[in-house]
Amino acid sequence: MTEEEDLHRTAVLDRCPELASAAELTSSFAEMLTTLSGDCLPDWITEATGTNLAGIGNFASGLNNELDAVTAGLTTDWNSGPVEGAVNRIKMLKRQMFGRAGCNLLRKRVLLAT
């Protein structure tokens, strides 16, 4: 952000304490996502559910229901990107072949496209 945008953001957050709390919680969650520091998640959930912000509190409660899975997702650098890419490619081929041929030709096209 530019200096002017930062000053404007600070002025807005000073006028609305709920918005300042939401901005702080959002930025701390974003930091957990980017630094893969999922070990801080229980503290973040406790802080988020303790606020009067319904949306963030509900989100935190939902995270708490699947705490092990979310913590694993926030601490490991594994992702499903390659699998999603393969699925997307197959769906694209399927759309292109819709109404043109049967399963045998579609199967051959998928196998040849890899």
C-alpha atoms as a PDB file:
ATOM      1  CA  MET A   1       0.000   0.000   0.000  1.00  0.00           C
ATOM      2  CA  THR A   2       1.089   3.536  -0.574  1.00  0.00           C
ATOM      3  CA  GLU A   3       1.645   5.848   2.361  1.00  0.00           C
ATOM      4  CA  GLU A   4      -1.593   7.692   1.611  1.00  0.00           C
ATOM      5  CA  GLU A   5      -3.563   4.425   1.494  1.00  0.00           C
ATOM      6  CA  ASP A   6      -1.988   3.344   4.768  1.00  0.00           C
ATOM      7  CA  LEU A   7      -2.971   6.627   6.439  1.00  0.00           C
ATOM      8  CA  HIS A   8      -6.521   6.263   5.109  1.00  0.00           C
ATOM      9  CA  ARG A   9      -6.702   2.668   6.366  1.00  0.00           C
ATOM     10  CA  THR A  10      -5.447   3.705   9.791  1.00  0.00           C
ATOM     11  CA  ALA A  11      -8.017   6.526   9.988  1.00  0.00           C
ATOM     12  CA  VAL A  12     -10.860   4.149   9.108  1.00  0.00           C
ATOM     13  CA  LEU A  13      -9.713   1.492  11.593  1.00  0.00           C
ATOM     14  CA  ASP A  14      -9.394   4.100  14.351  1.00  0.00           C
ATOM     15  CA  ARG A  15     -13.057   5.026  13.914  1.00  0.00           C
ATOM     16  CA  CYS A  16     -14.382   1.467  14.050  1.00  0.00           C
ATOM     17  CA  PRO A  17     -12.926  -0.870  16.691  1.00  0.00           C
ATOM     18  CA  GLU A  18     -14.836  -3.888  15.305  1.00  0.00           C
ATOM     19  CA  LEU A  19     -13.296  -3.344  11.895  1.00  0.00           C
ATOM     20  CA  ALA A  20      -9.860  -2.982  13.458  1.00  0.00           C
ATOM     21  CA  SER A  21     -10.342  -6.288  15.265  1.00  0.00           C
ATOM     22  CA  ALA A  22     -11.504  -7.963  12.053  1.00  0.00           C
ATOM     23  CA  ALA A  23      -8.511  -6.579  10.159  1.00  0.00           C
ATOM     24  CA  GLU A  24      -6.099  -7.817  12.819  1.00  0.00           C
ATOM     25  CA  LEU A  25      -7.632 -11.304  12.892  1.00  0.00           C
ATOM     26  CA  THR A  26      -7.687 -11.491   9.109  1.00  0.00           C
ATOM     27  CA  SER A  27      -4.070 -10.432   8.744  1.00  0.00           C
ATOM     28  CA  SER A  28      -2.897 -12.844  11.446  1.00  0.00           C
ATOM     29  CA  PHE A  29      -4.763 -15.702   9.731  1.00  0.00           C
ATOM     30  CA  ALA A  30      -3.255 -14.715   6.376  1.00  0.00           C
ATOM     31  CA  GLU A  31       0.181 -14.760   7.980  1.00  0.00           C
ATOM     32  CA  MET A  32      -0.472 -18.294   9.257  1.00  0.00           C
ATOM     33  CA  LEU A  33      -1.394 -19.310   5.713  1.00  0.00           C
ATOM     34  CA  THR A  34       1.697 -17.828   4.102  1.00  0.00           C
ATOM     35  CA  THR A  35       4.228 -18.924   6.722  1.00  0.00           C
ATOM     36  CA  LEU A  36       2.693 -22.382   7.298  1.00  0.00           C
ATOM     37  CA  SER A  37       2.535 -21.808  11.037  1.00  0.00           C
ATOM     38  CA  GLY A  38      -0.510 -23.931  11.873  1.00  0.00           C
ATOM     39  CA  ASP A  39       0.687 -24.458  15.442  1.00  0.00           C
ATOM     40  CA  CYS A  40      -0.689 -20.956  16.209  1.00  0.00           C
ATOM     41  CA  LEU A  41      -4.186 -21.946  15.062  1.00  0.00           C
ATOM     42  CA  PRO A  42      -5.699 -22.883  18.473  1.00  0.00           C
ATOM     43  CA  ASP A  43      -4.700 -19.488  19.883  1.00  0.00           C
ATOM     44  CA  TRP A  44      -6.152 -17.746  16.826  1.00  0.00           C
ATOM     45  CA  ILE A  45      -9.424 -19.691  17.167  1.00  0.00           C
ATOM     46  CA  THR A  46      -9.679 -18.754  20.843  1.00  0.00           C
ATOM     47  CA  GLU A  47      -9.096 -15.100  20.023  1.00  0.00           C
ATOM     48  CA  ALA A  48     -11.537 -15.131  17.090  1.00  0.00           C
ATOM     49  CA  THR A  49     -14.375 -16.808  18.982  1.00  0.00           C
ATOM     50  CA  GLY A  50     -13.904 -14.351  21.844  1.00  0.00           C
ATOM     51  CA  THR A  51     -14.772 -11.375  19.658  1.00  0.00           C
ATOM     52  CA  ASN A  52     -18.248 -10.039  18.906  1.00  0.00           C
ATOM     53  CA  LEU A  53     -17.697 -10.585  15.176  1.00  0.00           C
ATOM     54  CA  ALA A  54     -20.244 -13.190  14.119  1.00  0.00           C
ATOM     55  CA  GLY A  55     -18.723 -14.032  10.739  1.00  0.00           C
ATOM     56  CA  ILE A  56     -15.199 -14.547  11.998  1.00  0.00           C
ATOM     57  CA  GLY A  57     -16.461 -16.347  15.104  1.00  0.00           C
ATOM     58  CA  ASN A  58     -18.487 -18.784  12.990  1.00  0.00           C
ATOM     59  CA  PHE A  59     -15.497 -19.337  10.706  1.00  0.00           C
ATOM     60  CA  ALA A  60     -13.295 -20.066  13.716  1.00  0.00           C
ATOM     61  CA  SER A  61     -15.852 -22.483  15.151  1.00  0.00           C
ATOM     62  CA  GLY A  62     -15.941 -24.309  11.832  1.00  0.00           C
ATOM     63  CA  LEU A  63     -12.155 -24.557  11.863  1.00  0.00           C
ATOM     64  CA  ASN A  64     -12.318 -25.922  15.382  1.00  0.00           C
ATOM     65  CA  ASN A  65     -14.607 -28.739  14.231  1.00  0.00           C
ATOM     66  CA  GLU A  66     -11.871 -30.008  11.894  1.00  0.00           C
ATOM     67  CA  LEU A  67      -8.863 -28.821  13.875  1.00  0.00           C
ATOM     68  CA  ASP A  68      -6.520 -31.703  13.014  1.00  0.00           C
ATOM     69  CA  ALA A  69      -7.119 -31.445   9.268  1.00  0.00           C
ATOM     70  CA  VAL A  70      -6.834 -27.646   9.216  1.00  0.00           C
ATOM     71  CA  THR A  71      -3.666 -27.719  11.324  1.00  0.00           C
ATOM     72  CA  ALA A  72      -2.137 -30.274   8.961  1.00  0.00           C
ATOM     73  CA  GLY A  73      -3.076 -28.093   6.010  1.00  0.00           C
ATOM     74  CA  LEU A  74      -1.482 -25.060   7.624  1.00  0.00           C
ATOM     75  CA  THR A  75       1.753 -26.791   8.639  1.00  0.00           C
ATOM     76  CA  THR A  76       2.696 -28.923   5.626  1.00  0.00           C
ATOM     77  CA  ASP A  77       3.663 -27.675   2.212  1.00  0.00           C
ATOM     78  CA  TRP A  78       1.744 -30.460   0.478  1.00  0.00           C
ATOM     79  CA  ASN A  79      -1.080 -29.396  -1.814  1.00  0.00           C
ATOM     80  CA  SER A  80      -3.414 -30.953  -4.344  1.00  0.00           C
ATOM     81  CA  GLY A  81      -2.394 -28.658  -7.194  1.00  0.00           C
ATOM     82  CA  PRO A  82      -1.022 -31.348  -9.531  1.00  0.00           C
ATOM     83  CA  VAL A  83      -4.090 -33.533  -9.033  1.00  0.00           C
ATOM     84  CA  GLU A  84      -6.445 -30.613  -9.604  1.00  0.00           C
ATOM     85  CA  GLY A  85      -4.538 -29.744 -12.772  1.00  0.00           C
ATOM     86  CA  ALA A  86      -4.945 -33.281 -14.117  1.00  0.00           C
ATOM     87  CA  VAL A  87      -8.649 -33.313 -13.282  1.00  0.00           C
ATOM     88  CA  ASN A  88      -9.110 -29.918 -14.948  1.00  0.00           C
ATOM     89  CA  ARG A  89      -7.342 -31.159 -18.098  1.00  0.00           C
ATOM     90  CA  ILE A  90      -9.515 -34.291 -18.262  1.00  0.00           C
ATOM     91  CA  LYS A  91     -12.686 -32.240 -17.795  1.00  0.00           C
ATOM     92  CA  MET A  92     -11.610 -29.934 -20.610  1.00  0.00           C
ATOM     93  CA  LEU A  93     -11.068 -32.918 -22.925  1.00  0.00           C
ATOM     94  CA  LYS A  94     -14.436 -34.347 -21.918  1.00  0.00           C
ATOM     95  CA  ARG A  95     -16.153 -31.042 -22.750  1.00  0.00           C
ATOM     96  CA  GLN A  96     -14.442 -30.895 -26.122  1.00  0.00           C
ATOM     97  CA  MET A  97     -15.531 -34.443 -26.960  1.00  0.00           C
ATOM     98  CA  PHE A  98     -19.124 -34.085 -25.748  1.00  0.00           C
ATOM     99  CA  GLY A  99     -21.553 -35.484 -28.315  1.00  0.00           C
ATOM    100  CA  ARG A 100     -18.808 -36.483 -30.755  1.00  0.00           C
ATOM    101  CA  ALA A 101     -17.712 -39.933 -29.756  1.00  0.00           C
ATOM    102  CA  GLY A 102     -18.124 -42.655 -27.195  1.00  0.00           C
ATOM    103  CA  CYS A 103     -16.084 -43.610 -24.146  1.00  0.00           C
ATOM    104  CA  ASN A 104     -13.447 -45.507 -26.142  1.00  0.00           C
ATOM    105  CA  LEU A 105     -12.344 -42.471 -28.150  1.00  0.00           C
ATOM    106  CA  LEU A 106     -12.483 -40.231 -25.073  1.00  0.00           C
ATOM    107  CA  ARG A 107     -10.297 -42.718 -23.186  1.00  0.00           C
ATOM    108  CA  LYS A 108      -7.747 -42.779 -26.020  1.00  0.00           C
ATOM    109  CA  ARG A 109      -7.662 -38.988 -26.165  1.00  0.00           C
ATOM    110  CA  VAL A 110      -7.132 -38.707 -22.398  1.00  0.00           C
ATOM    111  CA  LEU A 111      -4.317 -41.263 -22.502  1.00  0.00           C
ATOM    112  CA  LEU A 112      -2.632 -39.579 -25.472  1.00  0.00           C
ATOM    113  CA  ALA A 113      -2.887 -36.126 -23.915  1.00  0.00           C
ATOM    114  CA  THR A 114      -0.770 -37.057 -20.890  1.00  0.00           C
END
